[in-house]
Protein backbone atom coordinates (compact mmCIF):
# COMPACT_ATOMS: atom_id res chain seq x y z
CA MET A 1 90.45 218.81 25.32
CA SER A 2 86.83 217.81 26.26
CA ALA A 3 85.86 216.55 29.90
CA ARG A 4 85.71 213.06 28.66
CA GLU A 5 89.03 213.12 27.21
CA LYS A 6 90.02 214.28 30.48
CA LYS A 7 88.64 211.73 32.25
CA LEU A 8 90.25 209.18 29.93
CA LEU A 9 93.76 210.82 30.44
CA ILE A 10 93.27 211.06 34.53
CA LEU A 11 92.25 207.09 34.23
CA PHE A 12 95.28 206.68 32.03
CA LEU A 13 97.75 208.19 34.29
CA GLY A 14 96.04 206.97 37.20
CA ALA A 15 96.38 203.41 35.82
CA ALA A 16 100.15 203.65 34.78
CA PHE A 17 100.93 205.23 38.86
CA ILE A 18 99.38 201.97 40.01
CA ILE A 19 101.26 199.80 37.61
CA ALA A 20 104.54 201.86 38.24
CA ASN A 21 103.50 201.57 42.11
CA PHE A 22 103.45 197.51 41.47
CA LEU A 23 106.62 197.63 39.22
CA GLY A 24 108.39 199.66 42.54
CA ILE A 25 107.02 197.66 45.12
CA SER A 26 108.07 194.04 43.57
CA PHE A 27 111.19 195.92 42.42
CA VAL A 28 112.01 196.51 45.83
CA ALA A 29 110.74 193.88 47.48
CA THR A 30 113.40 191.57 44.89
CA LYS A 31 115.92 193.91 46.54
CA ARG A 32 114.96 193.23 49.74
CA ILE A 33 115.10 189.50 49.18
CA GLU A 34 118.81 189.49 47.52
CA VAL A 35 119.74 191.95 50.72
CA LYS A 36 118.30 189.21 53.30
CA ALA A 37 120.25 186.45 51.21
CA LYS A 38 123.26 188.65 51.23
CA ARG A 39 123.44 189.40 54.79
CA ASN A 40 122.49 185.74 55.99
CA GLU A 41 125.71 184.41 53.67
CA ALA A 42 127.58 187.06 55.46
CA VAL A 43 126.57 185.92 59.10
CA GLN A 44 126.90 182.31 57.70
CA LYS A 45 130.82 183.74 56.90
CA LEU A 46 130.98 185.56 60.15
CA ALA A 47 129.81 182.20 62.13
CA THR A 48 132.29 180.17 60.40
CA ALA A 49 135.27 182.39 60.88
CA GLN A 50 134.64 182.55 64.68
CA MET A 51 134.30 179.15 64.63
CA PHE A 52 137.99 178.69 62.78
CA SER A 53 138.84 181.44 65.44
CA THR A 54 138.39 179.33 68.52
CA SER A 55 139.61 176.33 67.07
CA ARG A 56 142.81 178.16 66.09
CA GLU A 57 144.76 177.15 69.39
CA GLN A 58 144.17 173.44 68.54
CA VAL A 59 144.70 173.32 65.13
CA LEU A 60 148.10 175.02 65.58
CA ASP A 61 149.09 172.88 68.37
CA GLU A 62 148.27 169.67 66.00
CA MET A 63 149.99 171.13 62.88
CA ASP A 64 152.98 171.86 65.43
CA TRP A 65 153.06 168.10 66.42
CA LEU A 66 152.63 166.87 62.90
CA ALA A 67 155.57 168.79 61.32
CA GLU A 68 157.79 167.54 64.25
CA HIS A 69 156.27 164.09 63.53
CA GLU A 70 155.58 163.80 60.07
CA PRO A 71 157.38 161.07 58.23
CA GLU A 72 160.03 161.14 55.47
CA PRO A 73 158.57 160.03 52.36
CA ALA A 74 159.25 156.53 51.51
CA ALA A 75 158.38 153.63 48.66
CA TYR A 76 155.26 151.61 49.80
CA GLN A 77 157.82 148.21 49.73
CA ASP A 78 160.66 149.78 52.33
CA VAL A 79 157.86 150.48 54.79
CA GLN A 80 155.57 147.17 54.36
CA THR A 81 159.42 145.33 54.85
CA LYS A 82 160.36 147.39 57.91
CA LEU A 83 156.82 146.85 59.38
CA GLN A 84 156.95 143.28 58.86
CA GLN A 85 160.00 143.17 60.45
CA LEU A 86 159.48 145.36 63.58
CA ALA A 87 156.35 142.83 64.27
CA GLU A 88 158.42 140.01 63.90
CA THR A 89 160.84 140.96 65.90
CA GLU A 90 158.91 142.29 68.56
CA ALA A 91 156.94 139.37 68.78
CA ARG A 92 159.69 137.35 69.57
CA THR A 93 160.84 139.83 72.09
CA ALA A 94 157.49 139.35 73.57
CA GLY A 95 157.61 135.52 73.67
CA LEU A 96 155.03 135.24 71.01
CA THR A 97 155.03 132.36 68.38
CA ILE A 98 153.85 133.75 64.82
CA LYS A 99 151.58 131.29 63.19
CA THR A 100 150.83 133.15 60.15
CA GLN A 101 151.73 136.57 57.99
CA LYS A 102 150.08 138.20 55.38
CA LEU A 103 151.09 141.20 53.48
CA LEU A 104 147.85 143.25 52.64
CA PRO A 105 147.41 145.44 49.29
CA THR A 106 148.35 149.55 50.65
CA GLN A 107 145.31 151.93 50.94
CA ASP A 108 145.88 155.57 49.54
CA THR A 109 144.01 156.87 52.31
CA GLY A 110 144.14 160.64 50.82
CA ALA A 111 146.16 163.07 49.14
CA HIS A 112 148.86 163.02 51.79
CA TYR A 113 149.29 159.29 53.34
CA HIS A 114 149.09 156.15 52.32
CA ARG A 115 149.01 152.91 54.79
CA ALA A 116 151.27 150.14 54.52
CA LYS A 117 149.38 146.81 56.05
CA ILE A 118 150.43 143.36 57.38
CA GLN A 119 148.12 140.91 59.23
CA LEU A 120 149.53 138.50 61.72
CA THR A 121 148.32 135.67 63.76
CA VAL A 122 150.35 134.62 66.96
CA LEU A 123 150.24 132.91 70.04
CA GLY A 124 151.40 133.50 73.31
CA THR A 125 149.87 134.47 76.90
CA GLU A 126 147.99 137.60 77.39
CA GLU A 127 150.74 139.63 79.31
CA ALA A 128 153.13 138.83 76.46
CA LEU A 129 150.17 140.30 73.94
CA TYR A 130 150.01 143.26 75.75
CA ARG A 131 153.48 143.86 75.82
CA TRP A 132 153.54 143.33 71.95
CA PHE A 133 150.99 145.90 71.51
CA ASP A 134 152.07 148.21 73.60
CA ARG A 135 155.60 148.34 71.18
CA LEU A 136 153.80 148.03 67.80
CA ASN A 137 150.87 150.79 68.72
CA GLN A 138 153.09 154.10 68.45
CA PRO A 139 151.27 156.95 67.44
CA ASP A 140 153.96 159.59 67.25
CA GLN A 141 155.32 157.19 64.51
CA PHE A 142 152.23 156.49 62.64
CA ARG A 143 151.54 152.97 63.51
CA ALA A 144 148.96 150.92 65.04
CA ALA A 145 147.42 148.03 64.86
CA THR A 146 143.71 148.55 63.50
CA PHE A 147 142.19 145.32 63.85
CA LEU A 148 142.11 142.53 66.44
CA ARG A 149 140.93 139.18 67.39
CA MET A 150 141.56 137.36 70.43
CA ALA A 151 140.39 133.40 70.88
CA PRO A 152 141.55 130.85 73.37
CA ASP A 153 143.64 128.46 72.03
CA ARG A 154 142.63 124.85 71.34
CA GLU A 155 145.36 123.12 73.04
CA ASP A 156 146.85 125.34 75.61
CA ASP A 157 144.19 127.51 77.72
CA THR A 158 146.91 129.58 78.98
CA LYS A 159 147.31 130.95 75.48
CA ILE A 160 145.48 133.07 73.33
CA ASP A 161 145.49 133.19 69.56
CA CYS A 162 145.59 136.25 68.41
CA THR A 163 144.98 137.83 64.64
CA THR A 164 145.84 141.04 64.04
CA ILE A 165 146.30 143.92 61.32
CA ILE A 166 148.85 146.35 61.86
CA GLU A 167 149.00 149.29 59.75
CA GLN A 168 151.82 152.02 59.49
CA TRP A 169 150.91 155.56 57.67
CA PHE A 170 153.33 156.61 55.50
CA VAL A 171 154.01 159.68 52.93
CA PRO A 172 154.98 157.91 49.44
CA LEU A 173 157.75 158.98 47.64
CA ALA A 174 156.52 161.50 44.67
CA PRO A 175 156.03 160.23 41.10
CA SER A 176 159.05 160.25 38.89
CA VAL A 177 158.65 162.27 35.66
């Protein structure tokens, strides 16, 4: 080999070495980015697991409460009828006068629970209204007054006109096949 060929060979080997280093550095940098991404993902999973672990006791308590109080599956019409009858009975017991009643459409709020609704307008004293709401709002029976509008009665200042929406959460019956 001539001196010129040796210099050209050294030049090509040097260029190949530099290119190999650039490729190696870019490969290592890519792997480093992948490792950092996997590490960050693992750290995030660990933080999520620790959060679930710390809230486990509360969630278990809530699940136990739900298991004790969850209502039996029922048809929407049955739940709405019972809710209407209960509201009427409790209103009469509390000394309230029912002005209007309106059955509202059901809301399927999720995969497990639906809500039967009834809108009532009643007239009575403040004390009677509070007594009525106390009997209707029963979280352990999945029932609550979710809307409330009070105004003084136009004819008698000692009485209150109250429009309210009473809701009953229930488990719907499974669709028949």
